PDB file of all heavy atoms in Angstrom:
ATOM      1  N   ARG A   1     -11.424 -24.634  16.015  1.00  0.00           N
ATOM      2  CA  ARG A   1     -11.787 -23.157  16.049  1.00  0.00           C
ATOM      3  C   ARG A   1     -10.964 -22.356  17.102  1.00  0.00           C
ATOM      4  O   ARG A   1     -10.699 -21.286  16.804  1.00  0.00           O
ATOM      5  CB  ARG A   1     -13.315 -23.078  16.384  1.00  0.00           C
ATOM      6  CG  ARG A   1     -14.304 -23.398  15.206  1.00  0.00           C
ATOM      7  CD  ARG A   1     -15.654 -22.960  15.494  1.00  0.00           C
ATOM      8  NE  ARG A   1     -16.237 -23.617  16.617  1.00  0.00           N
ATOM      9  CZ  ARG A   1     -16.919 -24.786  16.566  1.00  0.00           C
ATOM     10  NH1 ARG A   1     -17.086 -25.384  15.517  1.00  0.00           N
ATOM     11  NH2 ARG A   1     -17.414 -25.193  17.685  1.00  0.00           N
ATOM     12  N   HIS A   2     -10.590 -23.062  18.151  1.00  0.00           N
ATOM     13  CA  HIS A   2      -9.812 -22.335  19.196  1.00  0.00           C
ATOM     14  C   HIS A   2      -8.448 -22.056  18.557  1.00  0.00           C
ATOM     15  O   HIS A   2      -7.895 -20.967  18.799  1.00  0.00           O
ATOM     16  CB  HIS A   2      -9.732 -23.287  20.480  1.00  0.00           C
ATOM     17  CG  HIS A   2      -8.886 -22.753  21.534  1.00  0.00           C
ATOM     18  ND1 HIS A   2      -9.350 -21.730  22.267  1.00  0.00           N
ATOM     19  CD2 HIS A   2      -7.601 -23.032  21.949  1.00  0.00           C
ATOM     20  CE1 HIS A   2      -8.331 -21.372  23.096  1.00  0.00           C
ATOM     21  NE2 HIS A   2      -7.315 -22.270  22.982  1.00  0.00           N
ATOM     22  N   GLU A   3      -7.836 -23.005  17.972  1.00  0.00           N
ATOM     23  CA  GLU A   3      -6.522 -22.830  17.272  1.00  0.00           C
ATOM     24  C   GLU A   3      -6.606 -21.632  16.295  1.00  0.00           C
ATOM     25  O   GLU A   3      -5.653 -20.844  16.245  1.00  0.00           O
ATOM     26  CB  GLU A   3      -5.965 -24.067  16.737  1.00  0.00           C
ATOM     27  CG  GLU A   3      -5.538 -25.157  17.711  1.00  0.00           C
ATOM     28  CD  GLU A   3      -4.381 -24.669  18.638  1.00  0.00           C
ATOM     29  OE1 GLU A   3      -3.566 -23.953  18.131  1.00  0.00           O
ATOM     30  OE2 GLU A   3      -4.427 -25.028  19.773  1.00  0.00           O
ATOM     31  N   GLN A   4      -7.689 -21.650  15.476  1.00  0.00           N
ATOM     32  CA  GLN A   4      -7.839 -20.585  14.498  1.00  0.00           C
ATOM     33  C   GLN A   4      -7.951 -19.264  15.182  1.00  0.00           C
ATOM     34  O   GLN A   4      -7.404 -18.268  14.672  1.00  0.00           O
ATOM     35  CB  GLN A   4      -9.064 -20.856  13.672  1.00  0.00           C
ATOM     36  CG  GLN A   4      -8.886 -21.997  12.701  1.00  0.00           C
ATOM     37  CD  GLN A   4     -10.260 -22.406  11.934  1.00  0.00           C
ATOM     38  OE1 GLN A   4     -11.348 -21.914  12.403  1.00  0.00           O
ATOM     39  NE2 GLN A   4     -10.200 -23.239  10.988  1.00  0.00           N
ATOM     40  N   ALA A   5      -8.742 -19.172  16.274  1.00  0.00           N
ATOM     41  CA  ALA A   5      -8.909 -17.852  16.979  1.00  0.00           C
ATOM     42  C   ALA A   5      -7.493 -17.370  17.522  1.00  0.00           C
ATOM     43  O   ALA A   5      -7.182 -16.236  17.498  1.00  0.00           O
ATOM     44  CB  ALA A   5      -9.847 -18.111  18.166  1.00  0.00           C
ATOM     45  N   ILE A   6      -6.687 -18.359  18.148  1.00  0.00           N
ATOM     46  CA  ILE A   6      -5.475 -17.997  18.622  1.00  0.00           C
ATOM     47  C   ILE A   6      -4.517 -17.414  17.461  1.00  0.00           C
ATOM     48  O   ILE A   6      -3.766 -16.507  17.637  1.00  0.00           O
ATOM     49  CB  ILE A   6      -4.757 -19.168  19.387  1.00  0.00           C
ATOM     50  CG1 ILE A   6      -5.458 -19.442  20.653  1.00  0.00           C
ATOM     51  CG2 ILE A   6      -3.302 -18.920  19.600  1.00  0.00           C
ATOM     52  CD1 ILE A   6      -5.012 -20.664  21.410  1.00  0.00           C
ATOM     53  N   ALA A   7      -4.469 -18.203  16.433  1.00  0.00           N
ATOM     54  CA  ALA A   7      -3.717 -17.751  15.256  1.00  0.00           C
ATOM     55  C   ALA A   7      -4.071 -16.392  14.783  1.00  0.00           C
ATOM     56  O   ALA A   7      -3.206 -15.564  14.445  1.00  0.00           O
ATOM     57  CB  ALA A   7      -3.813 -18.766  14.134  1.00  0.00           C
ATOM     58  N   GLN A   8      -5.412 -16.051  14.688  1.00  0.00           N
ATOM     59  CA  GLN A   8      -5.832 -14.798  14.216  1.00  0.00           C
ATOM     60  C   GLN A   8      -5.514 -13.763  15.230  1.00  0.00           C
ATOM     61  O   GLN A   8      -5.038 -12.619  14.865  1.00  0.00           O
ATOM     62  CB  GLN A   8      -7.354 -14.817  14.084  1.00  0.00           C
ATOM     63  CG  GLN A   8      -8.076 -13.587  13.558  1.00  0.00           C
ATOM     64  CD  GLN A   8      -9.541 -13.726  13.377  1.00  0.00           C
ATOM     65  OE1 GLN A   8     -10.122 -14.682  13.790  1.00  0.00           O
ATOM     66  NE2 GLN A   8     -10.095 -12.658  12.769  1.00  0.00           N
ATOM     67  N   THR A   9      -5.561 -13.937  16.489  1.00  0.00           N
ATOM     68  CA  THR A   9      -5.167 -13.035  17.519  1.00  0.00           C
ATOM     69  C   THR A   9      -3.630 -12.696  17.412  1.00  0.00           C
ATOM     70  O   THR A   9      -3.235 -11.528  17.435  1.00  0.00           O
ATOM     71  CB  THR A   9      -5.472 -13.565  18.877  1.00  0.00           C
ATOM     72  OG1 THR A   9      -6.887 -13.815  18.985  1.00  0.00           O
ATOM     73  CG2 THR A   9      -5.073 -12.575  20.002  1.00  0.00           C
ATOM     74  N   ARG A  10      -2.818 -13.711  17.263  1.00  0.00           N
ATOM     75  CA  ARG A  10      -1.446 -13.525  17.034  1.00  0.00           C
ATOM     76  C   ARG A  10      -1.104 -12.720  15.894  1.00  0.00           C
ATOM     77  O   ARG A  10      -0.246 -11.775  15.890  1.00  0.00           O
ATOM     78  CB  ARG A  10      -0.627 -14.845  16.985  1.00  0.00           C
ATOM     79  CG  ARG A  10      -0.557 -15.524  18.357  1.00  0.00           C
ATOM     80  CD  ARG A  10       0.246 -16.815  18.226  1.00  0.00           C
ATOM     81  NE  ARG A  10       0.334 -17.539  19.487  1.00  0.00           N
ATOM     82  CZ  ARG A  10       0.380 -18.835  19.621  1.00  0.00           C
ATOM     83  NH1 ARG A  10       0.464 -19.568  18.637  1.00  0.00           N
ATOM     84  NH2 ARG A  10       0.405 -19.357  20.767  1.00  0.00           N
ATOM     85  N   SER A  11      -1.844 -13.011  14.752  1.00  0.00           N
ATOM     86  CA  SER A  11      -1.631 -12.274  13.580  1.00  0.00           C
ATOM     87  C   SER A  11      -1.955 -10.756  13.668  1.00  0.00           C
ATOM     88  O   SER A  11      -1.201  -9.853  13.331  1.00  0.00           O
ATOM     89  CB  SER A  11      -2.402 -12.951  12.403  1.00  0.00           C
ATOM     90  OG  SER A  11      -2.338 -12.113  11.335  1.00  0.00           O
ATOM     91  N   SER A  12      -3.098 -10.497  14.332  1.00  0.00           N
ATOM     92  CA  SER A  12      -3.482  -9.040  14.501  1.00  0.00           C
ATOM     93  C   SER A  12      -2.642  -8.351  15.483  1.00  0.00           C
ATOM     94  O   SER A  12      -2.245  -7.158  15.326  1.00  0.00           O
ATOM     95  CB  SER A  12      -4.926  -9.045  15.037  1.00  0.00           C
ATOM     96  OG  SER A  12      -5.109  -9.566  16.257  1.00  0.00           O
ATOM     97  N   THR A  13      -2.200  -9.054  16.449  1.00  0.00           N
ATOM     98  CA  THR A  13      -1.165  -8.523  17.495  1.00  0.00           C
ATOM     99  C   THR A  13       0.141  -8.108  16.733  1.00  0.00           C
ATOM    100  O   THR A  13       0.689  -7.048  17.014  1.00  0.00           O
ATOM    101  CB  THR A  13      -0.986  -9.497  18.619  1.00  0.00           C
ATOM    102  OG1 THR A  13      -2.146  -9.721  19.274  1.00  0.00           O
ATOM    103  CG2 THR A  13      -0.004  -8.773  19.641  1.00  0.00           C
ATOM    104  N   GLN A  14       0.651  -9.038  15.939  1.00  0.00           N
ATOM    105  CA  GLN A  14       1.870  -8.856  15.261  1.00  0.00           C
ATOM    106  C   GLN A  14       1.682  -7.572  14.170  1.00  0.00           C
ATOM    107  O   GLN A  14       2.640  -6.813  14.099  1.00  0.00           O
ATOM    108  CB  GLN A  14       2.329 -10.040  14.427  1.00  0.00           C
ATOM    109  CG  GLN A  14       3.723  -9.887  13.859  1.00  0.00           C
ATOM    110  CD  GLN A  14       4.753  -9.712  15.031  1.00  0.00           C
ATOM    111  OE1 GLN A  14       4.747 -10.273  15.956  1.00  0.00           O
ATOM    112  NE2 GLN A  14       5.705  -8.696  14.653  1.00  0.00           N
ATOM    113  N   THR A  15       0.582  -7.541  13.580  1.00  0.00           N
ATOM    114  CA  THR A  15       0.249  -6.396  12.682  1.00  0.00           C
ATOM    115  C   THR A  15       0.322  -5.042  13.467  1.00  0.00           C
ATOM    116  O   THR A  15       0.941  -4.071  13.041  1.00  0.00           O
ATOM    117  CB  THR A  15      -1.127  -6.538  12.086  1.00  0.00           C
ATOM    118  OG1 THR A  15      -1.098  -7.766  11.377  1.00  0.00           O
ATOM    119  CG2 THR A  15      -1.395  -5.418  11.088  1.00  0.00           C
ATOM    120  N   ILE A  16      -0.231  -5.079  14.568  1.00  0.00           N
ATOM    121  CA  ILE A  16      -0.184  -3.802  15.562  1.00  0.00           C
ATOM    122  C   ILE A  16       1.056  -3.511  15.881  1.00  0.00           C
ATOM    123  O   ILE A  16       1.560  -2.343  15.874  1.00  0.00           O
ATOM    124  CB  ILE A  16      -1.150  -3.977  16.712  1.00  0.00           C
ATOM    125  CG1 ILE A  16      -2.547  -4.100  16.210  1.00  0.00           C
ATOM    126  CG2 ILE A  16      -1.013  -2.870  17.743  1.00  0.00           C
ATOM    127  CD1 ILE A  16      -3.600  -4.482  17.381  1.00  0.00           C
ATOM    128  N   LEU A  17       1.946  -4.500  16.320  1.00  0.00           N
ATOM    129  CA  LEU A  17       3.317  -4.236  16.751  1.00  0.00           C
ATOM    130  C   LEU A  17       4.128  -3.696  15.620  1.00  0.00           C
ATOM    131  O   LEU A  17       5.020  -2.906  15.806  1.00  0.00           O
ATOM    132  CB  LEU A  17       3.896  -5.579  17.327  1.00  0.00           C
ATOM    133  CG  LEU A  17       3.401  -5.921  18.741  1.00  0.00           C
ATOM    134  CD1 LEU A  17       4.023  -7.334  19.110  1.00  0.00           C
ATOM    135  CD2 LEU A  17       3.639  -4.961  19.669  1.00  0.00           C
ATOM    136  N   ASP A  18       3.948  -4.298  14.390  1.00  0.00           N
ATOM    137  CA  ASP A  18       4.697  -3.763  13.225  1.00  0.00           C
ATOM    138  C   ASP A  18       4.311  -2.375  12.922  1.00  0.00           C
ATOM    139  O   ASP A  18       5.250  -1.497  12.582  1.00  0.00           O
ATOM    140  CB  ASP A  18       4.408  -4.680  12.082  1.00  0.00           C
ATOM    141  CG  ASP A  18       5.044  -6.089  12.140  1.00  0.00           C
ATOM    142  OD1 ASP A  18       5.940  -6.307  13.039  1.00  0.00           O
ATOM    143  OD2 ASP A  18       4.600  -7.011  11.351  1.00  0.00           O
ATOM    144  N   ALA A  19       3.054  -1.971  13.070  1.00  0.00           N
ATOM    145  CA  ALA A  19       2.657  -0.577  12.802  1.00  0.00           C
ATOM    146  C   ALA A  19       3.255   0.284  13.877  1.00  0.00           C
ATOM    147  O   ALA A  19       3.724   1.381  13.458  1.00  0.00           O
ATOM    148  CB  ALA A  19       1.097  -0.534  12.872  1.00  0.00           C
ATOM    149  N   ILE A  20       3.357  -0.051  15.052  1.00  0.00           N
ATOM    150  CA  ILE A  20       3.960   0.765  16.100  1.00  0.00           C
ATOM    151  C   ILE A  20       5.453   0.965  15.812  1.00  0.00           C
ATOM    152  O   ILE A  20       5.981   1.969  15.934  1.00  0.00           O
ATOM    153  CB  ILE A  20       3.680   0.185  17.488  1.00  0.00           C
ATOM    154  CG1 ILE A  20       2.212   0.269  17.903  1.00  0.00           C
ATOM    155  CG2 ILE A  20       4.663   0.746  18.525  1.00  0.00           C
ATOM    156  CD1 ILE A  20       1.803  -0.476  19.121  1.00  0.00           C
ATOM    157  N   ALA A  21       6.092  -0.207  15.495  1.00  0.00           N
ATOM    158  CA  ALA A  21       7.543  -0.063  15.156  1.00  0.00           C
ATOM    159  C   ALA A  21       7.880   0.846  14.025  1.00  0.00           C
ATOM    160  O   ALA A  21       8.913   1.484  14.051  1.00  0.00           O
ATOM    161  CB  ALA A  21       8.049  -1.538  14.918  1.00  0.00           C
ATOM    162  N   THR A  22       6.955   0.882  13.055  1.00  0.00           N
ATOM    163  CA  THR A  22       7.211   1.756  11.946  1.00  0.00           C
ATOM    164  C   THR A  22       6.985   3.278  12.238  1.00  0.00           C
ATOM    165  O   THR A  22       7.512   4.100  11.776  1.00  0.00           O
ATOM    166  CB  THR A  22       6.456   1.450  10.677  1.00  0.00           C
ATOM    167  OG1 THR A  22       5.153   1.374  10.943  1.00  0.00           O
ATOM    168  CG2 THR A  22       6.893  -0.018  10.194  1.00  0.00           C
ATOM    169  N   GLN A  23       6.013   3.507  13.216  1.00  0.00           N
ATOM    170  CA  GLN A  23       5.700   4.908  13.543  1.00  0.00           C
ATOM    171  C   GLN A  23       6.582   5.506  14.593  1.00  0.00           C
ATOM    172  O   GLN A  23       6.816   6.639  14.579  1.00  0.00           O
ATOM    173  CB  GLN A  23       4.198   4.848  14.029  1.00  0.00           C
ATOM    174  CG  GLN A  23       3.229   4.587  12.888  1.00  0.00           C
ATOM    175  CD  GLN A  23       1.801   4.577  13.507  1.00  0.00           C
ATOM    176  OE1 GLN A  23       1.587   4.793  14.669  1.00  0.00           O
ATOM    177  NE2 GLN A  23       0.830   4.359  12.659  1.00  0.00           N
ATOM    178  N   VAL A  24       7.116   4.661  15.413  1.00  0.00           N
ATOM    179  CA  VAL A  24       7.991   5.179  16.562  1.00  0.00           C
ATOM    180  C   VAL A  24       9.442   4.838  16.285  1.00  0.00           C
ATOM    181  O   VAL A  24       9.727   3.645  15.988  1.00  0.00           O
ATOM    182  CB  VAL A  24       7.469   4.513  17.953  1.00  0.00           C
ATOM    183  CG1 VAL A  24       8.463   4.923  18.962  1.00  0.00           C
ATOM    184  CG2 VAL A  24       6.165   4.760  18.187  1.00  0.00           C
ATOM    185  N   GLU A  25      10.240   5.876  16.286  1.00  0.00           N
ATOM    186  CA  GLU A  25      11.704   5.629  15.975  1.00  0.00           C
ATOM    187  C   GLU A  25      12.354   5.076  17.273  1.00  0.00           C
ATOM    188  O   GLU A  25      11.914   5.535  18.382  1.00  0.00           O
ATOM    189  CB  GLU A  25      12.280   6.905  15.587  1.00  0.00           C
ATOM    190  CG  GLU A  25      11.926   7.467  14.363  1.00  0.00           C
ATOM    191  CD  GLU A  25      12.539   8.773  13.982  1.00  0.00           C
ATOM    192  OE1 GLU A  25      13.651   9.063  14.565  1.00  0.00           O
ATOM    193  OE2 GLU A  25      12.050   9.548  13.078  1.00  0.00           O
ATOM    194  N   LYS A  26      13.219   4.128  17.085  1.00  0.00           N
ATOM    195  CA  LYS A  26      13.978   3.692  18.272  1.00  0.00           C
ATOM    196  C   LYS A  26      14.884   4.804  18.657  1.00  0.00           C
ATOM    197  O   LYS A  26      15.622   5.411  17.917  1.00  0.00           O
ATOM    198  CB  LYS A  26      14.753   2.403  17.856  1.00  0.00           C
ATOM    199  CG  LYS A  26      13.833   1.268  17.541  1.00  0.00           C
ATOM    200  CD  LYS A  26      14.576   0.028  17.160  1.00  0.00           C
ATOM    201  CE  LYS A  26      13.723  -1.124  16.932  1.00  0.00           C
ATOM    202  NZ  LYS A  26      14.421  -2.338  16.543  1.00  0.00           N
ATOM    203  N   PRO A  27      15.091   4.980  20.046  1.00  0.00           N
ATOM    204  CA  PRO A  27      15.897   5.902  20.554  1.00  0.00           C
ATOM    205  C   PRO A  27      17.368   5.461  20.250  1.00  0.00           C
ATOM    206  O   PRO A  27      17.728   4.377  20.349  1.00  0.00           O
ATOM    207  CB  PRO A  27      15.662   5.950  22.015  1.00  0.00           C
ATOM    208  CG  PRO A  27      15.033   4.631  22.380  1.00  0.00           C
ATOM    209  CD  PRO A  27      14.363   4.275  21.080  1.00  0.00           C
ATOM    210  N   GLU A  28      18.174   6.568  19.995  1.00  0.00           N
ATOM    211  CA  GLU A  28      19.677   6.270  19.763  1.00  0.00           C
ATOM    212  C   GLU A  28      20.439   6.909  20.841  1.00  0.00           C
ATOM    213  O   GLU A  28      20.141   8.015  21.292  1.00  0.00           O
ATOM    214  CB  GLU A  28      19.959   6.842  18.417  1.00  0.00           C
ATOM    215  CG  GLU A  28      19.405   6.096  17.241  1.00  0.00           C
ATOM    216  CD  GLU A  28      19.868   6.630  15.863  1.00  0.00           C
ATOM    217  OE1 GLU A  28      20.886   7.447  15.977  1.00  0.00           O
ATOM    218  OE2 GLU A  28      19.310   6.412  14.850  1.00  0.00           O
ATOM    219  N   CYS A  29      21.422   6.236  21.317  1.00  0.00           N
ATOM    220  CA  CYS A  29      22.225   6.791  22.297  1.00  0.00           C
ATOM    221  C   CYS A  29      23.216   7.819  21.671  1.00  0.00           C
ATOM    222  O   CYS A  29      23.610   7.641  20.615  1.00  0.00           O
ATOM    223  CB  CYS A  29      23.106   5.767  23.083  1.00  0.00           C
ATOM    224  SG  CYS A  29      22.112   4.629  23.950  1.00  0.00           S
TER     225      CYS A  29
END
């Protein structure tokens, strides 16, 4: 159950990071 909870947390964190990356443009020099 602990491993499943860690995997679920990693998955949701990656989903949030992907959403942020698509909404925020990377700055260009």
